[in-house]
């Protein structure tokens, strides 16, 4: 059974053009599945739909199942039971994800206690163990520190620790390295991959960075204009891209381009309607 399944999912915020347009996709247990696309392609909207975090004005059609359970249409209490326990999310801005007035350790411990009858001392011990697991030095002492006393990379590690606190089957990482420098990006990606293996977690990684995709993803879906255009293994995507948009996107990557040369331009005459979507069987 797939950990995450999208069937003909569309999302509209009013107007004639959907933000997500008929996406069908299966995410397999234990894999890191990357969704790549430029800004406005619909990738974060798709992720927020899984978590039930879309605004009330959003009109969502189709089906989204987590571990075989339909999540579209669930009420807020039911969604709260799923969030953190079955599926958790890492946002790109760790500072916005953490309460600036509350110690980081207590924030992790509260996440643990929210999903089961755990005593305070047990939750604290588990939070410290998680802080150590994600690489926070001197975790017992730093448990009581507030977020601004940590660097950006350390804050992102705290957010990751909170996300995996209840061993969710699915971890959604929405641009988790955008605000970090290249060295910290590599460290955070390696951490997510290590936690995926040690916790048996499936990861849906949202990114616009092709380098991130190449580094950690098993399979990749390419989105443009709300459509899922291509699904392939990471190695096949870079070696043998099948969709014309994917080929144009890879050609526009500055990595390896001769210094001073102009990059190829993705054709402006392409409309969303002119680009065929990926077949559901590709999932």
Protein backbone atom coordinates (compact mmCIF):
# COMPACT_ATOMS: atom_id res chain seq x y z
CA UNK A 1 0.00 0.00 0.00
CA UNK A 2 1.23 3.48 -0.86
CA UNK A 3 2.01 5.82 2.02
CA UNK A 4 0.60 8.75 0.06
CA UNK A 5 -1.79 8.65 -2.87
CA UNK A 6 -3.15 11.50 -4.99
CA UNK A 7 -6.00 10.74 -7.39
CA UNK A 8 -7.09 13.46 -9.84
CA UNK A 9 -6.41 16.20 -7.27
CA UNK A 10 -7.28 19.75 -8.28
CA UNK A 11 -7.18 22.91 -6.17
CA UNK A 12 -8.77 26.25 -7.07
CA UNK A 13 -8.68 29.57 -5.25
CA UNK A 14 -11.26 31.21 -7.50
CA UNK A 15 -10.83 32.21 -11.11
CA UNK A 16 -10.52 29.95 -14.11
CA UNK A 17 -6.98 28.61 -13.66
CA UNK A 18 -6.47 25.90 -10.99
CA UNK A 19 -3.39 26.03 -8.77
CA UNK A 20 -3.24 22.23 -8.97
CA UNK A 21 -4.72 20.51 -11.99
CA UNK A 22 -5.62 16.80 -11.99
CA UNK A 23 -2.57 15.38 -10.18
CA UNK A 24 -2.41 11.60 -9.71
CA UNK A 25 0.59 10.10 -7.93
CA UNK A 26 1.62 7.24 -5.64
CA UNK A 27 4.44 7.65 -3.09
CA UNK A 28 5.97 4.34 -2.03
CA UNK A 29 6.98 3.32 1.52
CA UNK A 30 10.51 4.32 2.50
CA UNK A 31 11.36 6.47 -0.52
CA UNK A 32 12.30 10.10 -0.82
CA UNK A 33 10.01 11.43 -3.53
CA UNK A 34 10.90 14.88 -4.82
CA UNK A 35 8.46 17.30 -6.39
CA UNK A 36 10.36 19.89 -8.36
CA UNK A 37 9.10 22.96 -10.16
CA UNK A 38 9.46 26.69 -10.45
CA UNK A 39 7.65 29.10 -8.12
CA UNK A 40 3.89 29.00 -8.69
CA UNK A 41 3.90 25.49 -10.14
CA UNK A 42 1.57 24.19 -7.41
CA UNK A 43 3.98 21.99 -5.48
CA UNK A 44 3.52 23.64 -2.06
CA UNK A 45 -0.25 23.86 -2.60
CA UNK A 46 -0.25 20.10 -3.14
CA UNK A 47 1.71 19.56 0.09
CA UNK A 48 -0.56 21.86 2.11
CA UNK A 49 -3.60 19.97 0.80
CA UNK A 50 -2.25 16.79 2.43
CA UNK A 51 -1.96 18.55 5.80
CA UNK A 52 -5.32 20.29 5.56
CA UNK A 53 -3.57 23.67 5.68
CA UNK A 54 -5.20 25.30 2.67
CA UNK A 55 -7.30 28.43 3.33
CA UNK A 56 -11.06 28.08 3.59
CA UNK A 57 -11.46 29.67 0.15
CA UNK A 58 -9.71 26.72 -1.53
CA UNK A 59 -11.86 24.34 -3.55
CA UNK A 60 -10.29 20.88 -3.54
CA UNK A 61 -11.44 17.97 -5.70
CA UNK A 62 -10.20 14.41 -6.07
CA UNK A 63 -8.74 12.13 -3.42
CA UNK A 64 -5.73 12.27 -1.09
CA UNK A 65 -5.05 9.18 1.02
CA UNK A 66 -2.42 8.83 3.76
CA UNK A 67 -1.70 5.21 4.69
CA UNK A 68 -4.92 4.28 2.92
CA UNK A 69 -7.07 6.82 4.81
CA UNK A 70 -8.84 9.57 2.91
CA UNK A 71 -7.85 12.96 4.35
CA UNK A 72 -9.85 15.31 2.13
CA UNK A 73 -13.01 16.32 3.92
CA UNK A 74 -11.82 15.43 7.43
CA UNK A 75 -12.84 17.82 10.20
CA UNK A 76 -10.23 19.72 12.19
CA UNK A 77 -10.15 17.33 15.23
CA UNK A 78 -9.52 14.39 12.90
CA UNK A 79 -6.79 16.31 11.06
CA UNK A 80 -5.09 17.15 14.38
CA UNK A 81 -4.92 13.44 15.18
CA UNK A 82 -3.16 12.76 11.88
CA UNK A 83 -0.77 15.72 11.93
CA UNK A 84 2.40 14.83 13.78
CA UNK A 85 1.39 11.22 14.38
CA UNK A 86 0.92 9.93 10.81
CA UNK A 87 2.21 12.82 8.73
CA UNK A 88 4.43 15.74 9.73
CA UNK A 89 5.73 18.77 7.85
CA UNK A 90 8.98 20.72 7.82
CA UNK A 91 8.52 24.27 6.58
CA UNK A 92 11.22 26.32 4.86
CA UNK A 93 11.34 29.04 7.52
CA UNK A 94 12.31 27.47 10.85
CA UNK A 95 12.00 30.81 12.65
CA UNK A 96 8.32 31.07 11.70
CA UNK A 97 7.72 27.47 12.79
CA UNK A 98 9.01 27.96 16.34
CA UNK A 99 7.49 30.02 19.15
CA UNK A 100 10.14 32.68 19.92
CA UNK A 101 9.18 32.87 23.62
CA UNK A 102 9.20 29.15 24.41
CA UNK A 103 12.22 26.89 24.93
CA UNK A 104 12.97 24.63 21.99
CA UNK A 105 13.01 21.56 24.20
CA UNK A 106 9.56 22.26 25.59
CA UNK A 107 8.24 22.76 22.06
CA UNK A 108 9.49 19.30 21.04
CA UNK A 109 8.18 17.76 24.29
CA UNK A 110 4.75 19.33 23.73
CA UNK A 111 4.61 17.73 20.30
CA UNK A 112 5.24 14.34 21.93
CA UNK A 113 2.62 14.84 24.64
CA UNK A 114 0.00 16.00 22.13
CA UNK A 115 -0.28 12.50 20.69
CA UNK A 116 -0.28 10.23 23.72
CA UNK A 117 -0.39 9.92 27.53
CA UNK A 118 3.27 10.69 28.23
CA UNK A 119 4.55 12.07 31.51
CA UNK A 120 6.47 15.35 31.46
CA UNK A 121 9.75 13.74 32.49
CA UNK A 122 9.46 11.11 29.76
CA UNK A 123 8.63 13.73 27.14
CA UNK A 124 11.62 15.82 28.20
CA UNK A 125 13.97 12.83 28.02
CA UNK A 126 12.64 11.95 24.56
CA UNK A 127 13.03 15.58 23.40
CA UNK A 128 16.65 15.67 24.56
CA UNK A 129 17.34 12.37 22.78
CA UNK A 130 15.85 13.80 19.58
CA UNK A 131 17.94 16.96 19.90
CA UNK A 132 21.04 14.79 20.21
CA UNK A 133 19.93 12.67 17.25
CA UNK A 134 19.66 15.70 14.96
CA UNK A 135 23.05 17.00 16.06
CA UNK A 136 22.37 19.69 18.68
CA UNK A 137 25.53 19.91 20.84
CA UNK A 138 25.10 19.77 24.63
CA UNK A 139 21.38 19.02 24.22
CA UNK A 140 20.49 18.68 27.96
CA UNK A 141 21.77 22.20 28.64
CA UNK A 142 20.34 23.72 25.45
CA UNK A 143 16.90 22.21 26.05
CA UNK A 144 15.86 25.42 27.85
CA UNK A 145 17.21 27.85 25.25
CA UNK A 146 14.75 29.87 23.15
CA UNK A 147 15.02 29.74 19.32
CA UNK A 148 16.93 33.01 18.80
CA UNK A 149 19.89 31.52 20.68
CA UNK A 150 20.41 29.03 17.84
CA UNK A 151 21.80 29.53 14.34
CA UNK A 152 19.54 29.12 11.31
CA UNK A 153 20.87 25.62 10.65
CA UNK A 154 20.38 24.59 14.28
CA UNK A 155 16.81 25.96 14.29
CA UNK A 156 16.05 23.86 11.22
CA UNK A 157 17.40 20.81 13.07
CA UNK A 158 15.07 21.60 15.99
CA UNK A 159 12.11 21.76 13.59
CA UNK A 160 13.13 18.41 12.11
CA UNK A 161 13.41 16.89 15.60
CA UNK A 162 9.86 18.03 16.39
CA UNK A 163 8.60 16.69 13.05
CA UNK A 164 9.94 13.16 13.66
CA UNK A 165 9.10 13.14 17.38
CA UNK A 166 6.14 10.78 16.95
CA UNK A 167 7.69 8.64 14.20
CA UNK A 168 5.25 9.68 11.44
CA UNK A 169 5.04 7.39 8.44
CA UNK A 170 5.18 10.40 6.11
CA UNK A 171 7.38 13.48 6.39
CA UNK A 172 6.68 16.42 4.07
CA UNK A 173 9.66 18.75 3.69
CA UNK A 174 8.67 21.98 1.95
CA UNK A 175 11.83 23.72 0.71
CA UNK A 176 13.67 22.80 3.96
CA UNK A 177 17.04 24.18 2.83
CA UNK A 178 16.02 27.40 1.05
CA UNK A 179 17.18 29.74 3.83
CA UNK A 180 20.49 27.94 4.42
CA UNK A 181 23.92 28.27 2.84
CA UNK A 182 25.31 25.47 0.68
CA UNK A 183 27.22 23.74 3.49
CA UNK A 184 24.22 23.73 5.82
CA UNK A 185 21.95 22.58 2.98
CA UNK A 186 24.08 19.47 2.52
CA UNK A 187 24.05 18.78 6.27
CA UNK A 188 20.28 19.13 6.58
CA UNK A 189 19.64 16.94 3.53
CA UNK A 190 21.99 14.26 4.89
CA UNK A 191 20.15 14.47 8.23
CA UNK A 192 16.74 14.01 6.58
CA UNK A 193 18.07 11.01 4.65
CA UNK A 194 19.59 9.48 7.80
CA UNK A 195 16.38 9.97 9.79
CA UNK A 196 14.39 8.49 6.90
CA UNK A 197 16.48 5.33 7.18
CA UNK A 198 16.58 5.09 10.99
CA UNK A 199 12.88 5.88 11.52
CA UNK A 200 11.52 4.11 8.43
CA UNK A 201 9.91 7.33 7.27
CA UNK A 202 8.72 8.14 3.77
CA UNK A 203 9.69 11.66 2.63
CA UNK A 204 7.90 13.97 0.20
CA UNK A 205 10.48 16.65 -0.60
CA UNK A 206 9.24 19.89 -2.21
CA UNK A 207 11.97 21.89 -3.93
CA UNK A 208 12.90 24.07 -6.89
CA UNK A 209 16.55 23.04 -6.60
CA UNK A 210 17.67 20.38 -9.09
CA UNK A 211 20.86 19.86 -7.09
CA UNK A 212 18.79 18.82 -4.06
CA UNK A 213 16.84 16.38 -6.23
CA UNK A 214 20.04 14.82 -7.55
CA UNK A 215 21.52 14.51 -4.07
CA UNK A 216 18.79 12.71 -2.13
CA UNK A 217 15.69 11.77 -4.14
CA UNK A 218 14.79 8.25 -5.26
CA UNK A 219 12.02 9.38 -7.64
CA UNK A 220 10.97 12.80 -8.88
CA UNK A 221 7.80 14.45 -10.16
CA UNK A 222 8.08 17.59 -12.29
CA UNK A 223 5.31 20.18 -11.96
CA UNK A 224 4.47 23.18 -14.10
CA UNK A 225 1.32 25.30 -14.09
CA UNK A 226 -0.39 23.00 -11.60
CA UNK A 227 0.17 19.88 -13.69
CA UNK A 228 2.36 16.89 -12.95
CA UNK A 229 4.26 16.57 -16.22
CA UNK A 230 6.69 13.71 -15.61
CA UNK A 231 7.51 11.08 -12.98
CA UNK A 232 10.82 9.21 -13.12
CA UNK A 233 13.67 7.90 -11.02
CA UNK A 234 16.17 10.64 -10.20
CA UNK A 235 18.82 9.00 -12.35
CA UNK A 236 16.48 8.67 -15.35
CA UNK A 237 15.23 12.23 -14.99
CA UNK A 238 18.73 13.66 -15.42
CA UNK A 239 19.95 11.12 -17.96
CA UNK A 240 16.82 10.64 -20.07
CA UNK A 241 14.16 13.30 -19.42
CA UNK A 242 11.08 12.44 -21.45
CA UNK A 243 8.98 15.61 -21.24
CA UNK A 244 9.96 18.69 -23.28
CA UNK A 245 9.48 20.97 -20.26
CA UNK A 246 11.81 18.80 -18.16
CA UNK A 247 14.44 18.90 -20.89
CA UNK A 248 14.14 22.68 -21.08
CA UNK A 249 14.32 22.98 -17.28
CA UNK A 250 17.49 20.88 -17.12
CA UNK A 251 19.03 22.84 -19.99
CA UNK A 252 18.41 26.08 -18.10
CA UNK A 253 20.40 24.83 -15.09
CA UNK A 254 23.57 26.98 -14.79
CA UNK A 255 25.62 24.09 -13.36
CA UNK A 256 28.26 23.14 -15.90
CA UNK A 257 27.44 25.95 -18.33
CA UNK A 258 30.49 27.70 -19.83
CA UNK A 259 31.36 30.91 -18.01
CA UNK A 260 29.82 33.93 -19.71
CA UNK A 261 27.47 31.87 -21.89
CA UNK A 262 23.74 32.51 -22.13
CA UNK A 263 21.47 29.84 -20.73
CA UNK A 264 18.72 28.34 -22.91
CA UNK A 265 15.32 30.00 -22.42
CA UNK A 266 12.23 27.93 -21.64
CA UNK A 267 9.81 28.77 -24.48
CA UNK A 268 7.34 31.46 -23.43
CA UNK A 269 4.75 30.28 -25.95
CA UNK A 270 4.10 27.13 -23.95
CA UNK A 271 0.76 27.29 -22.22
CA UNK A 272 -0.28 24.99 -19.39
CA UNK A 273 -2.94 23.49 -21.65
CA UNK A 274 -0.36 22.60 -24.31
CA UNK A 275 1.69 20.45 -21.93
CA UNK A 276 0.45 16.89 -21.36
CA UNK A 277 0.32 15.67 -17.76
CA UNK A 278 2.10 12.58 -16.50
CA UNK A 279 0.14 9.36 -16.68
CA UNK A 280 -1.10 8.00 -13.34
CA UNK A 281 0.72 4.74 -14.08
CA UNK A 282 4.04 6.53 -13.69
CA UNK A 283 3.47 6.60 -9.92
